């Protein structure tokens, strides 16, 4: 029967720190890769270098910032809905005609 030596406390702590660094690196690269705008995403060659630790990773920007619309953007929709009609559903038609979703998203 072979006995396996238990790792030292320092080795376990060093291994844990290395794993934490690797996970942090993977998350940073992942956030760069899911950017809304394709030109903001890194090329695959750079992704490999970042994951392998050959290059530093700049802090990624929020990849979901286009999904988090400021409240100012929503105000015109509310104003159009409340001031656009006589209460017979005309305001809903005004919103659908004036709102260009592709410009917002």
C-alpha atoms as a PDB file:
ATOM      1  CA  UNK A   1       0.000   0.000   0.000  1.00  0.00           C
ATOM      2  CA  UNK A   2       1.440   3.371  -1.068  1.00  0.00           C
ATOM      3  CA  UNK A   3       1.117   6.333   1.224  1.00  0.00           C
ATOM      4  CA  UNK A   4       0.496   9.772  -0.196  1.00  0.00           C
ATOM      5  CA  UNK A   5       2.137  12.650   1.610  1.00  0.00           C
ATOM      6  CA  UNK A   6      -0.211  15.436   2.601  1.00  0.00           C
ATOM      7  CA  UNK A   7       0.665  18.797   1.065  1.00  0.00           C
ATOM      8  CA  UNK A   8       2.032  21.456   3.359  1.00  0.00           C
ATOM      9  CA  UNK A   9      -0.070  24.408   4.451  1.00  0.00           C
ATOM     10  CA  UNK A  10       2.071  26.779   2.371  1.00  0.00           C
ATOM     11  CA  UNK A  11       1.613  24.634  -0.740  1.00  0.00           C
ATOM     12  CA  UNK A  12      -2.161  24.548  -0.259  1.00  0.00           C
ATOM     13  CA  UNK A  13      -2.296  28.323   0.260  1.00  0.00           C
ATOM     14  CA  UNK A  14      -0.141  28.917  -2.825  1.00  0.00           C
ATOM     15  CA  UNK A  15      -2.283  26.574  -4.905  1.00  0.00           C
ATOM     16  CA  UNK A  16      -5.440  28.323  -3.698  1.00  0.00           C
ATOM     17  CA  UNK A  17      -4.022  31.747  -4.625  1.00  0.00           C
ATOM     18  CA  UNK A  18      -3.051  30.450  -8.077  1.00  0.00           C
ATOM     19  CA  UNK A  19      -6.554  29.063  -8.625  1.00  0.00           C
ATOM     20  CA  UNK A  20      -8.135  32.332  -7.526  1.00  0.00           C
ATOM     21  CA  UNK A  21      -5.922  34.267  -9.952  1.00  0.00           C
ATOM     22  CA  UNK A  22      -6.825  31.870 -12.780  1.00  0.00           C
ATOM     23  CA  UNK A  23     -10.562  32.207 -12.110  1.00  0.00           C
ATOM     24  CA  UNK A  24     -10.275  35.998 -11.984  1.00  0.00           C
ATOM     25  CA  UNK A  25      -8.364  35.961 -15.290  1.00  0.00           C
ATOM     26  CA  UNK A  26     -11.031  33.766 -16.922  1.00  0.00           C
ATOM     27  CA  UNK A  27     -13.843  36.058 -15.780  1.00  0.00           C
ATOM     28  CA  UNK A  28     -12.071  39.179 -17.061  1.00  0.00           C
ATOM     29  CA  UNK A  29     -11.522  37.534 -20.449  1.00  0.00           C
ATOM     30  CA  UNK A  30     -15.141  36.363 -20.505  1.00  0.00           C
ATOM     31  CA  UNK A  31     -16.398  39.902 -19.888  1.00  0.00           C
ATOM     32  CA  UNK A  32     -14.238  41.169 -22.754  1.00  0.00           C
ATOM     33  CA  UNK A  33     -15.621  38.444 -25.041  1.00  0.00           C
ATOM     34  CA  UNK A  34     -19.307  39.254 -24.408  1.00  0.00           C
ATOM     35  CA  UNK A  35     -19.133  42.939 -25.286  1.00  0.00           C
ATOM     36  CA  UNK A  36     -22.241  44.176 -27.119  1.00  0.00           C
ATOM     37  CA  UNK A  37     -20.257  45.781 -29.929  1.00  0.00           C
ATOM     38  CA  UNK A  38     -18.227  43.247 -31.955  1.00  0.00           C
ATOM     39  CA  UNK A  39     -15.351  45.677 -32.451  1.00  0.00           C
ATOM     40  CA  UNK A  40     -14.946  45.900 -28.661  1.00  0.00           C
ATOM     41  CA  UNK A  41     -14.293  42.136 -28.409  1.00  0.00           C
ATOM     42  CA  UNK A  42     -10.677  40.902 -28.534  1.00  0.00           C
ATOM     43  CA  UNK A  43      -9.516  38.666 -31.407  1.00  0.00           C
ATOM     44  CA  UNK A  44      -9.229  34.968 -30.536  1.00  0.00           C
ATOM     45  CA  UNK A  45      -5.429  35.124 -30.627  1.00  0.00           C
ATOM     46  CA  UNK A  46      -5.442  37.765 -27.901  1.00  0.00           C
ATOM     47  CA  UNK A  47      -7.978  35.737 -25.905  1.00  0.00           C
ATOM     48  CA  UNK A  48      -5.617  32.755 -25.918  1.00  0.00           C
ATOM     49  CA  UNK A  49      -2.674  34.928 -24.835  1.00  0.00           C
ATOM     50  CA  UNK A  50      -4.747  36.486 -22.039  1.00  0.00           C
ATOM     51  CA  UNK A  51      -5.896  33.077 -20.783  1.00  0.00           C
ATOM     52  CA  UNK A  52      -2.363  31.669 -20.897  1.00  0.00           C
ATOM     53  CA  UNK A  53      -1.054  34.663 -18.947  1.00  0.00           C
ATOM     54  CA  UNK A  54       1.168  35.951 -21.757  1.00  0.00           C
ATOM     55  CA  UNK A  55      -0.400  39.404 -21.671  1.00  0.00           C
ATOM     56  CA  UNK A  56      -2.006  41.601 -19.053  1.00  0.00           C
ATOM     57  CA  UNK A  57      -5.757  42.020 -19.063  1.00  0.00           C
ATOM     58  CA  UNK A  58      -7.129  45.539 -18.807  1.00  0.00           C
ATOM     59  CA  UNK A  59     -10.179  45.883 -16.577  1.00  0.00           C
ATOM     60  CA  UNK A  60     -13.166  45.105 -18.814  1.00  0.00           C
ATOM     61  CA  UNK A  61     -15.937  47.609 -19.334  1.00  0.00           C
ATOM     62  CA  UNK A  62     -19.439  46.628 -18.297  1.00  0.00           C
ATOM     63  CA  UNK A  63     -20.604  44.336 -21.125  1.00  0.00           C
ATOM     64  CA  UNK A  64     -24.231  44.983 -20.258  1.00  0.00           C
ATOM     65  CA  UNK A  65     -24.181  48.783 -20.156  1.00  0.00           C
ATOM     66  CA  UNK A  66     -26.321  49.026 -23.289  1.00  0.00           C
ATOM     67  CA  UNK A  67     -28.952  46.901 -21.564  1.00  0.00           C
ATOM     68  CA  UNK A  68     -29.043  49.238 -18.569  1.00  0.00           C
ATOM     69  CA  UNK A  69     -30.793  52.204 -20.075  1.00  0.00           C
ATOM     70  CA  UNK A  70     -30.728  55.364 -17.983  1.00  0.00           C
ATOM     71  CA  UNK A  71     -34.054  56.501 -16.590  1.00  0.00           C
ATOM     72  CA  UNK A  72     -33.908  59.613 -18.817  1.00  0.00           C
ATOM     73  CA  UNK A  73     -34.404  57.418 -21.875  1.00  0.00           C
ATOM     74  CA  UNK A  74     -37.639  56.031 -20.448  1.00  0.00           C
ATOM     75  CA  UNK A  75     -39.157  59.436 -19.646  1.00  0.00           C
ATOM     76  CA  UNK A  76     -40.146  60.259 -23.271  1.00  0.00           C
ATOM     77  CA  UNK A  77     -42.026  56.972 -23.533  1.00  0.00           C
ATOM     78  CA  UNK A  78     -43.991  57.766 -20.391  1.00  0.00           C
ATOM     79  CA  UNK A  79     -44.695  61.330 -21.492  1.00  0.00           C
ATOM     80  CA  UNK A  80     -45.807  60.159 -24.921  1.00  0.00           C
ATOM     81  CA  UNK A  81     -48.086  57.564 -23.357  1.00  0.00           C
ATOM     82  CA  UNK A  82     -49.704  59.970 -20.900  1.00  0.00           C
ATOM     83  CA  UNK A  83     -50.005  63.000 -23.152  1.00  0.00           C
ATOM     84  CA  UNK A  84     -50.573  61.356 -26.500  1.00  0.00           C
ATOM     85  CA  UNK A  85     -54.248  60.660 -26.645  1.00  0.00           C
ATOM     86  CA  UNK A  86     -57.772  60.890 -25.435  1.00  0.00           C
ATOM     87  CA  UNK A  87     -57.682  57.658 -23.473  1.00  0.00           C
ATOM     88  CA  UNK A  88     -59.076  55.509 -26.276  1.00  0.00           C
ATOM     89  CA  UNK A  89     -55.831  53.686 -27.066  1.00  0.00           C
ATOM     90  CA  UNK A  90     -54.445  56.310 -29.453  1.00  0.00           C
ATOM     91  CA  UNK A  91     -51.443  56.889 -27.206  1.00  0.00           C
ATOM     92  CA  UNK A  92     -50.361  53.271 -27.636  1.00  0.00           C
ATOM     93  CA  UNK A  93     -50.303  53.754 -31.398  1.00  0.00           C
ATOM     94  CA  UNK A  94     -48.256  56.934 -31.012  1.00  0.00           C
ATOM     95  CA  UNK A  95     -45.659  55.093 -28.933  1.00  0.00           C
ATOM     96  CA  UNK A  96     -45.324  52.243 -31.398  1.00  0.00           C
ATOM     97  CA  UNK A  97     -44.923  54.664 -34.310  1.00  0.00           C
ATOM     98  CA  UNK A  98     -42.417  56.980 -32.617  1.00  0.00           C
ATOM     99  CA  UNK A  99     -40.289  54.385 -30.843  1.00  0.00           C
ATOM    100  CA  UNK A 100     -37.417  53.017 -32.911  1.00  0.00           C
ATOM    101  CA  UNK A 101     -36.157  50.037 -30.907  1.00  0.00           C
ATOM    102  CA  UNK A 102     -33.080  49.566 -33.074  1.00  0.00           C
ATOM    103  CA  UNK A 103     -31.909  53.082 -32.244  1.00  0.00           C
ATOM    104  CA  UNK A 104     -32.318  52.438 -28.512  1.00  0.00           C
ATOM    105  CA  UNK A 105     -30.886  48.928 -28.304  1.00  0.00           C
END
